[in-house]
Amino acid sequence: MSEASKPGSVPMVAALFVQKDGVYFDLEGVDPWDEERDARNYSGPHPVVAHPPCARWSRLAGFTEARFGYKRGEDGGCFEAALEAVRTWGGVLEHPAYSRAWDKYDLAEPLWRGGWSLDLYGGASCYVEQGRYGLPVKKATWLYAFGVELPDLRWGYTADGDGPRDSKTEPDGLAYWRDSWPDAKHRDRSGTPEEFRDELIAIARSAFVAVAA
């Protein structure tokens, strides 16, 4: 009997491309892969929650290229590795809404009013806002899931001008754009709220149920 199937055990999930000592660390049943471990080398066998770097794929990728010289889409193979891990072991991948990676890898574009969109490869995408899970900014997000149960999430769309402000001096909606800036000094811009983290882990763990079915 495997560890994952023993009565009372917590099925193991691998958290890929996560911040060192961030919200995925020190959790029972979660194996975190930060930059030092290099999640591109993940070879299973557990379902995954993947947060591949987004600066080269977001709607600010052009700005990033102009300012820092980083070419759009050139992320060292991180997104491709995350996608392969999700499709191989089951799980869920998170990226900013309107990520150019969806076009590059022919993934189904999510319905921005809620629900899952199915693709031709057996995967599914959706739009969700992390602000509905405790983040003080909207942080519009796309998810790609494969080999798992597809739950109802906290669906809904908030116009950029309607979300909560990040500070008293910042216009509504601007904080969302800052979330994609490649500035590692500001962890709050790319951090995952605990409620949303738990939702993603639950999705990944449902891969065991999907396989059993």
N, C-alpha and C. Protein backbone atom coordinates (compact mmCIF):
# COMPACT_ATOMS: atom_id res chain seq x y z
N MET A 1 0.85 -1.20 0.00
CA MET A 1 0.00 0.00 0.00
C MET A 1 0.88 1.24 0.00
N SER A 2 0.61 2.18 -0.91
CA SER A 2 1.41 3.41 -0.97
C SER A 2 1.10 4.30 0.21
N GLU A 3 2.02 5.27 0.46
CA GLU A 3 1.81 6.22 1.55
C GLU A 3 0.53 7.01 1.34
N ALA A 4 0.27 7.38 0.07
CA ALA A 4 -0.90 8.20 -0.23
C ALA A 4 -2.20 7.48 0.04
N SER A 5 -2.19 6.14 -0.03
CA SER A 5 -3.42 5.39 0.12
C SER A 5 -3.64 4.86 1.54
N LYS A 6 -2.69 5.05 2.46
CA LYS A 6 -2.86 4.56 3.81
C LYS A 6 -3.95 5.35 4.53
N PRO A 7 -4.77 4.67 5.35
CA PRO A 7 -5.83 5.38 6.08
C PRO A 7 -5.25 6.51 6.93
N GLY A 8 -5.85 7.68 6.84
CA GLY A 8 -5.41 8.80 7.64
C GLY A 8 -4.26 9.60 7.06
N SER A 9 -3.65 9.11 5.99
CA SER A 9 -2.52 9.83 5.41
C SER A 9 -3.01 10.96 4.51
N VAL A 10 -2.15 11.95 4.31
CA VAL A 10 -2.46 13.08 3.44
C VAL A 10 -1.77 12.86 2.10
N PRO A 11 -2.51 12.79 1.00
CA PRO A 11 -1.88 12.58 -0.29
C PRO A 11 -0.85 13.67 -0.58
N MET A 12 0.33 13.28 -1.03
CA MET A 12 1.40 14.22 -1.29
C MET A 12 1.16 14.99 -2.58
N VAL A 13 1.45 16.27 -2.54
CA VAL A 13 1.37 17.15 -3.70
C VAL A 13 2.70 17.88 -3.83
N ALA A 14 3.18 18.06 -5.05
CA ALA A 14 4.39 18.85 -5.28
C ALA A 14 3.99 20.26 -5.69
N ALA A 15 4.56 21.25 -5.02
CA ALA A 15 4.31 22.66 -5.35
C ALA A 15 5.52 23.18 -6.12
N LEU A 16 5.34 23.45 -7.40
CA LEU A 16 6.45 23.79 -8.29
C LEU A 16 6.55 25.29 -8.54
N PHE A 17 7.79 25.77 -8.63
CA PHE A 17 8.07 27.18 -8.92
C PHE A 17 7.48 28.11 -7.85
N VAL A 18 7.72 27.76 -6.60
CA VAL A 18 7.16 28.57 -5.51
C VAL A 18 8.28 29.34 -4.81
N GLN A 19 7.88 30.36 -4.04
CA GLN A 19 8.83 31.18 -3.33
C GLN A 19 9.43 30.43 -2.14
N LYS A 20 10.73 30.58 -1.96
CA LYS A 20 11.40 29.94 -0.83
C LYS A 20 10.80 30.45 0.47
N ASP A 21 10.47 29.52 1.36
CA ASP A 21 9.88 29.84 2.66
C ASP A 21 8.54 30.57 2.54
N GLY A 22 7.87 30.37 1.41
CA GLY A 22 6.56 30.99 1.18
C GLY A 22 5.43 30.14 1.73
N VAL A 23 4.22 30.37 1.19
CA VAL A 23 3.02 29.76 1.77
C VAL A 23 2.92 28.26 1.54
N TYR A 24 3.77 27.69 0.67
CA TYR A 24 3.72 26.25 0.44
C TYR A 24 4.70 25.48 1.31
N PHE A 25 5.50 26.19 2.09
CA PHE A 25 6.46 25.52 2.94
C PHE A 25 5.83 25.14 4.30
N ASP A 26 6.38 24.09 4.89
CA ASP A 26 5.96 23.62 6.22
C ASP A 26 4.49 23.20 6.26
N LEU A 27 4.02 22.62 5.15
CA LEU A 27 2.66 22.09 5.11
C LEU A 27 2.72 20.57 5.01
N GLU A 28 1.86 19.89 5.76
CA GLU A 28 1.80 18.44 5.67
C GLU A 28 1.34 18.02 4.28
N GLY A 29 2.08 17.08 3.69
CA GLY A 29 1.68 16.55 2.40
C GLY A 29 2.00 17.44 1.23
N VAL A 30 2.87 18.44 1.40
CA VAL A 30 3.25 19.32 0.29
C VAL A 30 4.77 19.33 0.17
N ASP A 31 5.27 19.04 -1.02
CA ASP A 31 6.70 19.04 -1.31
C ASP A 31 7.02 20.28 -2.14
N PRO A 32 7.57 21.35 -1.55
CA PRO A 32 7.78 22.60 -2.27
C PRO A 32 9.08 22.60 -3.08
N TRP A 33 8.99 23.10 -4.29
CA TRP A 33 10.14 23.25 -5.17
C TRP A 33 10.36 24.74 -5.44
N ASP A 34 11.36 25.32 -4.78
CA ASP A 34 11.67 26.72 -5.00
C ASP A 34 12.74 26.84 -6.09
N GLU A 35 13.25 28.05 -6.29
CA GLU A 35 14.21 28.28 -7.37
C GLU A 35 15.46 27.43 -7.22
N GLU A 36 15.90 27.23 -6.00
CA GLU A 36 17.12 26.46 -5.75
C GLU A 36 16.97 25.02 -6.21
N ARG A 37 15.79 24.43 -6.04
CA ARG A 37 15.59 23.03 -6.44
C ARG A 37 15.36 22.90 -7.93
N ASP A 38 14.92 23.96 -8.59
CA ASP A 38 14.68 24.02 -10.04
C ASP A 38 13.59 23.02 -10.44
N ALA A 39 12.35 23.49 -10.42
CA ALA A 39 11.19 22.65 -10.69
C ALA A 39 11.16 22.10 -12.12
N ARG A 40 12.00 22.62 -13.00
CA ARG A 40 12.07 22.04 -14.34
C ARG A 40 12.57 20.60 -14.31
N ASN A 41 13.19 20.21 -13.21
CA ASN A 41 13.71 18.86 -13.06
C ASN A 41 12.74 17.92 -12.37
N TYR A 42 11.54 18.39 -12.05
CA TYR A 42 10.58 17.53 -11.36
C TYR A 42 10.20 16.34 -12.24
N SER A 43 10.27 15.13 -11.66
CA SER A 43 9.98 13.92 -12.44
C SER A 43 8.97 13.03 -11.73
N GLY A 44 8.06 13.64 -10.93
CA GLY A 44 7.00 12.87 -10.30
C GLY A 44 7.42 12.34 -8.95
N PRO A 45 6.55 11.50 -8.36
CA PRO A 45 5.33 10.93 -8.95
C PRO A 45 4.04 11.61 -8.50
N HIS A 46 4.12 12.72 -7.78
CA HIS A 46 2.94 13.31 -7.16
C HIS A 46 2.26 14.32 -8.07
N PRO A 47 0.95 14.52 -7.91
CA PRO A 47 0.25 15.60 -8.61
C PRO A 47 0.87 16.95 -8.22
N VAL A 48 0.66 17.96 -9.04
CA VAL A 48 1.36 19.21 -8.83
C VAL A 48 0.44 20.42 -8.78
N VAL A 49 0.89 21.42 -8.05
CA VAL A 49 0.40 22.79 -8.16
C VAL A 49 1.57 23.58 -8.72
N ALA A 50 1.42 24.20 -9.85
CA ALA A 50 2.54 24.86 -10.52
C ALA A 50 2.31 26.36 -10.66
N HIS A 51 3.32 27.14 -10.29
CA HIS A 51 3.29 28.59 -10.42
C HIS A 51 4.49 29.05 -11.24
N PRO A 52 4.56 28.68 -12.54
CA PRO A 52 5.74 29.06 -13.33
C PRO A 52 5.86 30.58 -13.44
N PRO A 53 7.09 31.10 -13.57
CA PRO A 53 7.30 32.55 -13.69
C PRO A 53 6.46 33.14 -14.82
N CYS A 54 5.95 34.35 -14.59
CA CYS A 54 4.97 34.89 -15.53
C CYS A 54 5.42 36.16 -16.24
N ALA A 55 6.54 36.76 -15.83
CA ALA A 55 6.91 38.07 -16.37
C ALA A 55 7.07 38.09 -17.88
N ARG A 56 7.49 36.97 -18.47
CA ARG A 56 7.72 36.93 -19.93
C ARG A 56 6.45 36.62 -20.71
N TRP A 57 5.34 36.36 -19.99
CA TRP A 57 4.10 35.96 -20.65
C TRP A 57 2.94 36.91 -20.40
N SER A 58 3.05 37.76 -19.41
CA SER A 58 1.92 38.59 -19.01
C SER A 58 1.68 39.72 -20.00
N ARG A 59 0.62 40.50 -19.75
CA ARG A 59 0.32 41.64 -20.62
C ARG A 59 1.35 42.75 -20.48
N LEU A 60 2.24 42.62 -19.50
CA LEU A 60 3.34 43.58 -19.35
C LEU A 60 4.64 43.04 -19.93
N ALA A 61 4.57 41.92 -20.67
CA ALA A 61 5.79 41.33 -21.22
C ALA A 61 6.51 42.28 -22.17
N GLY A 62 5.73 43.07 -22.91
CA GLY A 62 6.35 44.04 -23.82
C GLY A 62 7.13 45.09 -23.05
N PHE A 63 6.56 45.56 -21.95
CA PHE A 63 7.24 46.52 -21.09
C PHE A 63 8.51 45.91 -20.52
N THR A 64 8.41 44.65 -20.07
CA THR A 64 9.56 43.96 -19.51
C THR A 64 10.67 43.83 -20.54
N GLU A 65 10.30 43.51 -21.79
CA GLU A 65 11.29 43.38 -22.85
C GLU A 65 11.97 44.72 -23.14
N ALA A 66 11.16 45.78 -23.22
CA ALA A 66 11.71 47.10 -23.53
C ALA A 66 12.63 47.61 -22.42
N ARG A 67 12.25 47.37 -21.17
CA ARG A 67 13.00 47.93 -20.05
C ARG A 67 14.18 47.07 -19.64
N PHE A 68 13.99 45.73 -19.65
CA PHE A 68 15.03 44.85 -19.13
C PHE A 68 15.70 43.99 -20.21
N GLY A 69 15.13 43.98 -21.42
CA GLY A 69 15.72 43.21 -22.50
C GLY A 69 15.34 41.75 -22.51
N TYR A 70 14.43 41.35 -21.60
CA TYR A 70 14.00 39.96 -21.57
C TYR A 70 12.97 39.70 -22.67
N LYS A 71 13.24 38.76 -23.54
CA LYS A 71 12.38 38.48 -24.67
C LYS A 71 11.07 37.84 -24.21
N ARG A 72 9.98 38.26 -24.84
CA ARG A 72 8.68 37.69 -24.52
C ARG A 72 8.65 36.20 -24.81
N GLY A 73 8.16 35.45 -23.84
CA GLY A 73 8.04 34.00 -24.00
C GLY A 73 9.30 33.22 -23.65
N GLU A 74 10.42 33.89 -23.49
CA GLU A 74 11.68 33.19 -23.19
C GLU A 74 11.86 33.11 -21.67
N ASP A 75 11.34 32.04 -21.10
CA ASP A 75 11.38 31.87 -19.64
C ASP A 75 12.25 30.70 -19.21
N GLY A 76 13.13 30.25 -20.12
CA GLY A 76 14.00 29.13 -19.78
C GLY A 76 13.30 27.79 -19.75
N GLY A 77 12.13 27.72 -20.37
CA GLY A 77 11.39 26.47 -20.42
C GLY A 77 10.56 26.18 -19.19
N CYS A 78 10.36 27.20 -18.33
CA CYS A 78 9.64 26.97 -17.08
C CYS A 78 8.16 26.64 -17.32
N PHE A 79 7.48 27.43 -18.15
CA PHE A 79 6.06 27.17 -18.38
C PHE A 79 5.87 25.80 -19.05
N GLU A 80 6.70 25.51 -20.03
CA GLU A 80 6.58 24.23 -20.72
C GLU A 80 6.78 23.07 -19.76
N ALA A 81 7.75 23.19 -18.85
CA ALA A 81 8.00 22.14 -17.86
C ALA A 81 6.83 22.00 -16.91
N ALA A 82 6.25 23.14 -16.50
CA ALA A 82 5.09 23.09 -15.60
C ALA A 82 3.90 22.44 -16.28
N LEU A 83 3.66 22.80 -17.52
CA LEU A 83 2.55 22.22 -18.28
C LEU A 83 2.73 20.72 -18.45
N GLU A 84 3.95 20.30 -18.75
CA GLU A 84 4.23 18.87 -18.91
C GLU A 84 4.01 18.13 -17.60
N ALA A 85 4.42 18.74 -16.48
CA ALA A 85 4.23 18.09 -15.18
C ALA A 85 2.75 17.93 -14.86
N VAL A 86 1.95 18.97 -15.13
CA VAL A 86 0.51 18.90 -14.88
C VAL A 86 -0.13 17.82 -15.73
N ARG A 87 0.25 17.75 -16.98
CA ARG A 87 -0.34 16.76 -17.88
C ARG A 87 0.14 15.34 -17.59
N THR A 88 1.32 15.21 -17.02
CA THR A 88 1.87 13.88 -16.73
C THR A 88 1.37 13.33 -15.41
N TRP A 89 1.34 14.18 -14.37
CA TRP A 89 1.04 13.71 -13.02
C TRP A 89 -0.32 14.18 -12.50
N GLY A 90 -0.98 15.05 -13.27
CA GLY A 90 -2.24 15.62 -12.80
C GLY A 90 -1.98 16.83 -11.93
N GLY A 91 -2.92 17.76 -11.92
CA GLY A 91 -2.77 18.93 -11.07
C GLY A 91 -3.28 20.19 -11.72
N VAL A 92 -2.73 21.32 -11.28
CA VAL A 92 -3.23 22.61 -11.73
C VAL A 92 -2.07 23.59 -11.84
N LEU A 93 -2.15 24.44 -12.85
CA LEU A 93 -1.13 25.46 -13.13
C LEU A 93 -1.78 26.83 -13.03
N GLU A 94 -1.08 27.79 -12.43
CA GLU A 94 -1.60 29.15 -12.24
C GLU A 94 -0.73 30.15 -12.98
N HIS A 95 -1.39 31.13 -13.65
CA HIS A 95 -0.69 32.18 -14.39
C HIS A 95 -1.57 33.42 -14.40
N PRO A 96 -1.01 34.59 -14.71
CA PRO A 96 -1.86 35.79 -14.80
C PRO A 96 -2.90 35.66 -15.91
N ALA A 97 -4.05 36.25 -15.70
CA ALA A 97 -5.06 36.27 -16.76
C ALA A 97 -4.48 36.89 -18.01
N TYR A 98 -4.91 36.36 -19.16
CA TYR A 98 -4.49 36.83 -20.47
C TYR A 98 -3.03 36.49 -20.78
N SER A 99 -2.50 35.49 -20.09
CA SER A 99 -1.14 35.04 -20.33
C SER A 99 -0.98 34.62 -21.79
N ARG A 100 0.09 35.07 -22.41
CA ARG A 100 0.38 34.71 -23.81
C ARG A 100 0.73 33.23 -23.95
N ALA A 101 1.03 32.58 -22.84
CA ALA A 101 1.36 31.15 -22.90
C ALA A 101 0.18 30.32 -23.37
N TRP A 102 -1.04 30.79 -23.12
CA TRP A 102 -2.22 30.03 -23.56
C TRP A 102 -2.26 29.93 -25.08
N ASP A 103 -1.90 31.01 -25.78
CA ASP A 103 -1.85 30.96 -27.24
C ASP A 103 -0.69 30.10 -27.71
N LYS A 104 0.45 30.26 -27.08
CA LYS A 104 1.65 29.51 -27.47
C LYS A 104 1.42 28.02 -27.40
N TYR A 105 0.73 27.55 -26.36
CA TYR A 105 0.55 26.11 -26.15
C TYR A 105 -0.86 25.63 -26.46
N ASP A 106 -1.62 26.47 -27.14
CA ASP A 106 -2.94 26.08 -27.65
C ASP A 106 -3.86 25.58 -26.55
N LEU A 107 -3.92 26.33 -25.45
CA LEU A 107 -4.80 25.99 -24.34
C LEU A 107 -6.13 26.73 -24.50
N ALA A 108 -7.19 26.15 -24.00
CA ALA A 108 -8.52 26.76 -24.12
C ALA A 108 -8.56 28.06 -23.33
N GLU A 109 -9.03 29.14 -23.95
CA GLU A 109 -9.14 30.42 -23.25
C GLU A 109 -10.32 30.37 -22.29
N PRO A 110 -10.10 30.79 -21.05
CA PRO A 110 -11.16 30.70 -20.03
C PRO A 110 -12.34 31.62 -20.32
N LEU A 111 -13.47 31.29 -19.73
CA LEU A 111 -14.65 32.15 -19.75
C LEU A 111 -14.52 33.14 -18.61
N TRP A 112 -14.44 34.42 -18.92
CA TRP A 112 -14.18 35.39 -17.86
C TRP A 112 -15.37 35.60 -16.92
N ARG A 113 -16.53 35.08 -17.28
CA ARG A 113 -17.68 35.16 -16.38
C ARG A 113 -17.77 33.96 -15.45
N GLY A 114 -16.89 32.99 -15.61
CA GLY A 114 -16.89 31.86 -14.68
C GLY A 114 -17.10 30.53 -15.36
N GLY A 115 -16.63 29.46 -14.72
CA GLY A 115 -16.74 28.11 -15.27
C GLY A 115 -15.46 27.67 -15.95
N TRP A 116 -15.43 26.40 -16.31
CA TRP A 116 -14.25 25.79 -16.92
C TRP A 116 -14.44 25.64 -18.42
N SER A 117 -13.38 25.91 -19.19
CA SER A 117 -13.36 25.71 -20.64
C SER A 117 -12.49 24.50 -20.94
N LEU A 118 -13.00 23.54 -21.70
CA LEU A 118 -12.27 22.32 -22.01
C LEU A 118 -11.47 22.50 -23.29
N ASP A 119 -10.27 21.86 -23.34
CA ASP A 119 -9.47 21.91 -24.56
C ASP A 119 -9.47 20.55 -25.24
N LEU A 120 -8.74 20.44 -26.32
CA LEU A 120 -8.72 19.22 -27.12
C LEU A 120 -7.81 18.14 -26.53
N TYR A 121 -7.11 18.49 -25.46
CA TYR A 121 -6.12 17.57 -24.91
C TYR A 121 -6.58 16.94 -23.58
N GLY A 122 -7.80 17.24 -23.18
CA GLY A 122 -8.31 16.70 -21.94
C GLY A 122 -8.12 17.60 -20.73
N GLY A 123 -7.60 18.81 -20.96
CA GLY A 123 -7.41 19.77 -19.89
C GLY A 123 -8.54 20.77 -19.83
N ALA A 124 -8.49 21.65 -18.85
CA ALA A 124 -9.53 22.66 -18.69
C ALA A 124 -8.93 23.93 -18.11
N SER A 125 -9.46 25.09 -18.53
CA SER A 125 -8.98 26.38 -18.07
C SER A 125 -10.12 27.16 -17.43
N CYS A 126 -9.76 28.08 -16.54
CA CYS A 126 -10.77 28.96 -15.96
C CYS A 126 -10.16 30.29 -15.55
N TYR A 127 -11.04 31.28 -15.38
CA TYR A 127 -10.67 32.61 -14.89
C TYR A 127 -11.15 32.74 -13.46
N VAL A 128 -10.27 33.23 -12.59
CA VAL A 128 -10.64 33.45 -11.19
C VAL A 128 -9.81 34.61 -10.65
N GLU A 129 -10.36 35.34 -9.69
CA GLU A 129 -9.66 36.48 -9.09
C GLU A 129 -9.21 36.13 -7.68
N GLN A 130 -7.93 36.29 -7.42
CA GLN A 130 -7.41 35.95 -6.10
C GLN A 130 -7.88 36.93 -5.03
N GLY A 131 -8.37 38.08 -5.46
CA GLY A 131 -8.96 39.01 -4.51
C GLY A 131 -10.18 38.45 -3.81
N ARG A 132 -10.82 37.45 -4.43
CA ARG A 132 -11.97 36.79 -3.81
C ARG A 132 -11.55 35.74 -2.79
N TYR A 133 -10.24 35.55 -2.65
CA TYR A 133 -9.69 34.59 -1.69
C TYR A 133 -8.79 35.27 -0.65
N GLY A 134 -9.02 36.56 -0.43
CA GLY A 134 -8.32 37.23 0.65
C GLY A 134 -7.19 38.15 0.25
N LEU A 135 -6.79 38.17 -1.02
CA LEU A 135 -5.75 39.10 -1.46
C LEU A 135 -6.33 40.51 -1.52
N PRO A 136 -5.59 41.53 -1.10
CA PRO A 136 -6.14 42.90 -1.09
C PRO A 136 -6.24 43.54 -2.46
N VAL A 137 -5.80 42.84 -3.51
CA VAL A 137 -5.93 43.34 -4.88
C VAL A 137 -6.66 42.29 -5.71
N LYS A 138 -7.12 42.67 -6.88
CA LYS A 138 -7.90 41.80 -7.75
C LYS A 138 -7.11 40.57 -8.20
N LYS A 139 -5.93 40.76 -8.74
CA LYS A 139 -5.06 39.72 -9.28
C LYS A 139 -5.83 38.69 -10.11
N ALA A 140 -6.29 39.11 -11.27
CA ALA A 140 -6.98 38.22 -12.19
C ALA A 140 -6.05 37.10 -12.63
N THR A 141 -6.56 35.88 -12.61
CA THR A 141 -5.73 34.69 -12.78
C THR A 141 -6.38 33.69 -13.72
N TRP A 142 -5.55 33.00 -14.50
CA TRP A 142 -6.01 31.86 -15.29
C TRP A 142 -5.43 30.59 -14.69
N LEU A 143 -6.25 29.55 -14.63
CA LEU A 143 -5.80 28.24 -14.18
C LEU A 143 -5.92 27.24 -15.32
N TYR A 144 -5.00 26.29 -15.35
CA TYR A 144 -5.10 25.16 -16.27
C TYR A 144 -5.01 23.89 -15.44
N ALA A 145 -5.99 23.03 -15.56
CA ALA A 145 -6.06 21.80 -14.77
C ALA A 145 -6.12 20.59 -15.69
N PHE A 146 -5.56 19.48 -15.21
CA PHE A 146 -5.54 18.25 -16.00
C PHE A 146 -5.58 17.05 -15.06
N GLY A 147 -6.45 16.07 -15.39
CA GLY A 147 -6.51 14.83 -14.62
C GLY A 147 -7.04 14.99 -13.22
N VAL A 148 -7.86 16.01 -13.00
CA VAL A 148 -8.39 16.29 -11.66
C VAL A 148 -9.89 16.56 -11.75
N GLU A 149 -10.54 16.61 -10.57
CA GLU A 149 -11.91 17.07 -10.52
C GLU A 149 -11.93 18.59 -10.71
N LEU A 150 -12.95 19.09 -11.37
CA LEU A 150 -13.05 20.53 -11.65
C LEU A 150 -14.10 21.14 -10.73
N PRO A 151 -13.68 21.81 -9.68
CA PRO A 151 -14.64 22.33 -8.70
C PRO A 151 -15.24 23.66 -9.13
N ASP A 152 -16.33 24.03 -8.50
CA ASP A 152 -16.84 25.39 -8.60
C ASP A 152 -15.96 26.28 -7.73
N LEU A 153 -15.49 27.36 -8.29
CA LEU A 153 -14.66 28.31 -7.56
C LEU A 153 -15.47 29.57 -7.29
N ARG A 154 -14.85 30.58 -6.75
CA ARG A 154 -15.55 31.84 -6.46
C ARG A 154 -15.56 32.68 -7.73
N TRP A 155 -16.46 32.30 -8.62
CA TRP A 155 -16.51 32.93 -9.95
C TRP A 155 -16.91 34.40 -9.83
N GLY A 156 -16.59 35.12 -10.87
CA GLY A 156 -17.00 36.51 -10.95
C GLY A 156 -15.93 37.34 -11.62
N TYR A 157 -16.36 38.47 -12.14
CA TYR A 157 -15.44 39.39 -12.82
C TYR A 157 -15.58 40.77 -12.20
N THR A 158 -14.45 41.36 -11.82
CA THR A 158 -14.42 42.70 -11.27
C THR A 158 -13.71 43.61 -12.26
N ALA A 159 -14.37 44.66 -12.72
CA ALA A 159 -13.72 45.62 -13.61
C ALA A 159 -12.54 46.26 -12.89
N ASP A 160 -11.50 46.62 -13.64
CA ASP A 160 -10.30 47.15 -13.02
C ASP A 160 -10.59 48.37 -12.15
N GLY A 161 -11.60 49.14 -12.48
CA GLY A 161 -11.91 50.33 -11.70
C GLY A 161 -12.75 50.07 -10.47
N ASP A 162 -13.16 48.80 -10.26
CA ASP A 162 -14.07 48.48 -9.16
C ASP A 162 -13.41 47.77 -7.99
N GLY A 163 -12.16 47.34 -8.16
CA GLY A 163 -11.51 46.57 -7.12
C GLY A 163 -10.99 47.42 -5.99
N PRO A 164 -10.59 46.79 -4.88
CA PRO A 164 -10.04 47.53 -3.74
C PRO A 164 -8.68 48.13 -4.08
N ARG A 165 -8.34 49.21 -3.46
CA ARG A 165 -7.06 49.85 -3.71
C ARG A 165 -5.96 49.17 -2.91
N ASP A 166 -4.74 49.22 -3.46
CA ASP A 166 -3.59 48.66 -2.77
C ASP A 166 -3.02 49.66 -1.77
N SER A 167 -3.27 50.94 -1.99
CA SER A 167 -2.84 51.97 -1.05
C SER A 167 -3.75 53.18 -1.22
N LYS A 168 -3.68 54.11 -0.32
CA LYS A 168 -4.55 55.27 -0.38
C LYS A 168 -4.24 56.17 -1.56
N THR A 169 -3.04 56.06 -2.09
CA THR A 169 -2.63 56.95 -3.18
C THR A 169 -2.67 56.27 -4.56
N GLU A 170 -3.05 55.00 -4.60
CA GLU A 170 -3.00 54.26 -5.84
C GLU A 170 -4.39 54.12 -6.45
N PRO A 171 -4.58 54.46 -7.73
CA PRO A 171 -5.90 54.33 -8.36
C PRO A 171 -6.37 52.88 -8.37
N ASP A 172 -7.68 52.69 -8.27
CA ASP A 172 -8.23 51.34 -8.35
C ASP A 172 -7.77 50.66 -9.62
N GLY A 173 -7.45 49.36 -9.49
CA GLY A 173 -7.10 48.56 -10.66
C GLY A 173 -5.62 48.56 -10.97
N LEU A 174 -4.87 49.62 -10.58
CA LEU A 174 -3.46 49.67 -10.92
C LEU A 174 -2.67 48.56 -10.25
N ALA A 175 -3.11 48.16 -9.05
CA ALA A 175 -2.38 47.12 -8.32
C ALA A 175 -2.35 45.82 -9.11
N TYR A 176 -3.39 45.55 -9.89
CA TYR A 176 -3.40 44.31 -10.69
C TYR A 176 -2.23 44.30 -11.66
N TRP A 177 -1.95 45.43 -12.29
CA TRP A 177 -0.88 45.47 -13.28
C TRP A 177 0.48 45.29 -12.60
N ARG A 178 0.61 45.80 -11.38
CA ARG A 178 1.87 45.64 -10.67
C ARG A 178 2.13 44.19 -10.30
N ASP A 179 1.09 43.41 -10.17
CA ASP A 179 1.27 42.02 -9.76
C ASP A 179 2.18 41.25 -10.71
N SER A 180 2.25 41.66 -11.96
CA SER A 180 3.03 40.92 -12.94
C SER A 180 4.44 41.47 -13.12
N TRP A 181 4.79 42.54 -12.43
CA TRP A 181 6.12 43.11 -12.60
C TRP A 181 7.18 42.16 -12.04
N PRO A 182 8.31 41.99 -12.75
CA PRO A 182 9.35 41.04 -12.32
C PRO A 182 10.26 41.63 -11.26
N ASP A 183 9.73 41.92 -10.09
CA ASP A 183 10.50 42.52 -9.01
C ASP A 183 10.42 41.62 -7.80
N ALA A 184 11.46 40.80 -7.60
CA ALA A 184 11.43 39.80 -6.54
C ALA A 184 11.47 40.41 -5.15
N LYS A 185 11.76 41.71 -5.04
CA LYS A 185 11.84 42.34 -3.73
C LYS A 185 10.45 42.50 -3.11
N HIS A 186 9.42 42.50 -3.93
CA HIS A 186 8.06 42.73 -3.43
C HIS A 186 7.27 41.44 -3.51
N ARG A 187 7.40 40.60 -2.48
CA ARG A 187 6.77 39.28 -2.49
C ARG A 187 5.26 39.36 -2.54
N ASP A 188 4.71 40.49 -2.01
CA ASP A 188 3.26 40.60 -1.97
C ASP A 188 2.66 40.73 -3.35
N ARG A 189 3.46 41.09 -4.34
CA ARG A 189 2.94 41.26 -5.69
C ARG A 189 2.69 39.92 -6.37
N SER A 190 3.44 38.91 -5.98
CA SER A 190 3.29 37.61 -6.62
C SER A 190 2.86 36.53 -5.64
N GLY A 191 2.62 36.90 -4.39
CA GLY A 191 2.24 35.92 -3.39
C GLY A 191 0.86 35.35 -3.62
N THR A 192 0.64 34.17 -3.06
CA THR A 192 -0.64 33.48 -3.16
C THR A 192 -1.33 33.48 -1.80
N PRO A 193 -2.56 34.00 -1.69
CA PRO A 193 -3.25 33.98 -0.40
C PRO A 193 -3.52 32.54 0.04
N GLU A 194 -3.54 32.33 1.34
CA GLU A 194 -3.65 30.98 1.87
C GLU A 194 -4.93 30.28 1.43
N GLU A 195 -6.04 31.00 1.38
CA GLU A 195 -7.30 30.38 0.94
C GLU A 195 -7.20 29.87 -0.48
N PHE A 196 -6.54 30.65 -1.34
CA PHE A 196 -6.39 30.23 -2.73
C PHE A 196 -5.40 29.08 -2.83
N ARG A 197 -4.32 29.15 -2.08
CA ARG A 197 -3.36 28.04 -2.03
C ARG A 197 -4.06 26.74 -1.65
N ASP A 198 -4.89 26.79 -0.63
CA ASP A 198 -5.59 25.59 -0.19
C ASP A 198 -6.53 25.05 -1.26
N GLU A 199 -7.15 25.95 -2.01
CA GLU A 199 -8.03 25.53 -3.10
C GLU A 199 -7.23 24.82 -4.19
N LEU A 200 -6.06 25.35 -4.52
CA LEU A 200 -5.23 24.73 -5.55
C LEU A 200 -4.70 23.37 -5.08
N ILE A 201 -4.31 23.28 -3.83
CA ILE A 201 -3.84 21.99 -3.30
C ILE A 201 -4.97 20.96 -3.34
N ALA A 202 -6.18 21.37 -3.00
CA ALA A 202 -7.32 20.46 -3.04
C ALA A 202 -7.58 19.97 -4.46
N ILE A 203 -7.45 20.87 -5.43
CA ILE A 203 -7.62 20.47 -6.83
C ILE A 203 -6.59 19.42 -7.20
N ALA A 204 -5.32 19.67 -6.85
CA ALA A 204 -4.26 18.72 -7.18
C ALA A 204 -4.49 17.37 -6.50
N ARG A 205 -4.90 17.39 -5.26
CA ARG A 205 -5.12 16.14 -4.54
C ARG A 205 -6.28 15.33 -5.12
N SER A 206 -7.19 16.00 -5.81
CA SER A 206 -8.30 15.27 -6.43
C SER A 206 -7.81 14.40 -7.58
N ALA A 207 -6.55 14.57 -7.99
CA ALA A 207 -6.01 13.70 -9.04
C ALA A 207 -6.02 12.24 -8.60
N PHE A 208 -5.85 12.00 -7.31
CA PHE A 208 -5.92 10.62 -6.81
C PHE A 208 -7.30 10.05 -7.00
N VAL A 209 -8.33 10.88 -6.79
CA VAL A 209 -9.71 10.45 -6.99
C VAL A 209 -9.97 10.19 -8.46
N ALA A 210 -9.46 11.08 -9.32
CA ALA A 210 -9.66 10.93 -10.76
C ALA A 210 -9.03 9.65 -11.28
N VAL A 211 -7.83 9.32 -10.79
CA VAL A 211 -7.16 8.10 -11.21
C VAL A 211 -7.91 6.88 -10.73
N ALA A 212 -8.39 6.93 -9.49
CA ALA A 212 -9.13 5.79 -8.92
C ALA A 212 -10.42 5.55 -9.68
N ALA A 213 -11.05 6.64 -10.17
CA ALA A 213 -12.29 6.49 -10.90
C ALA A 213 -12.06 5.87 -12.27
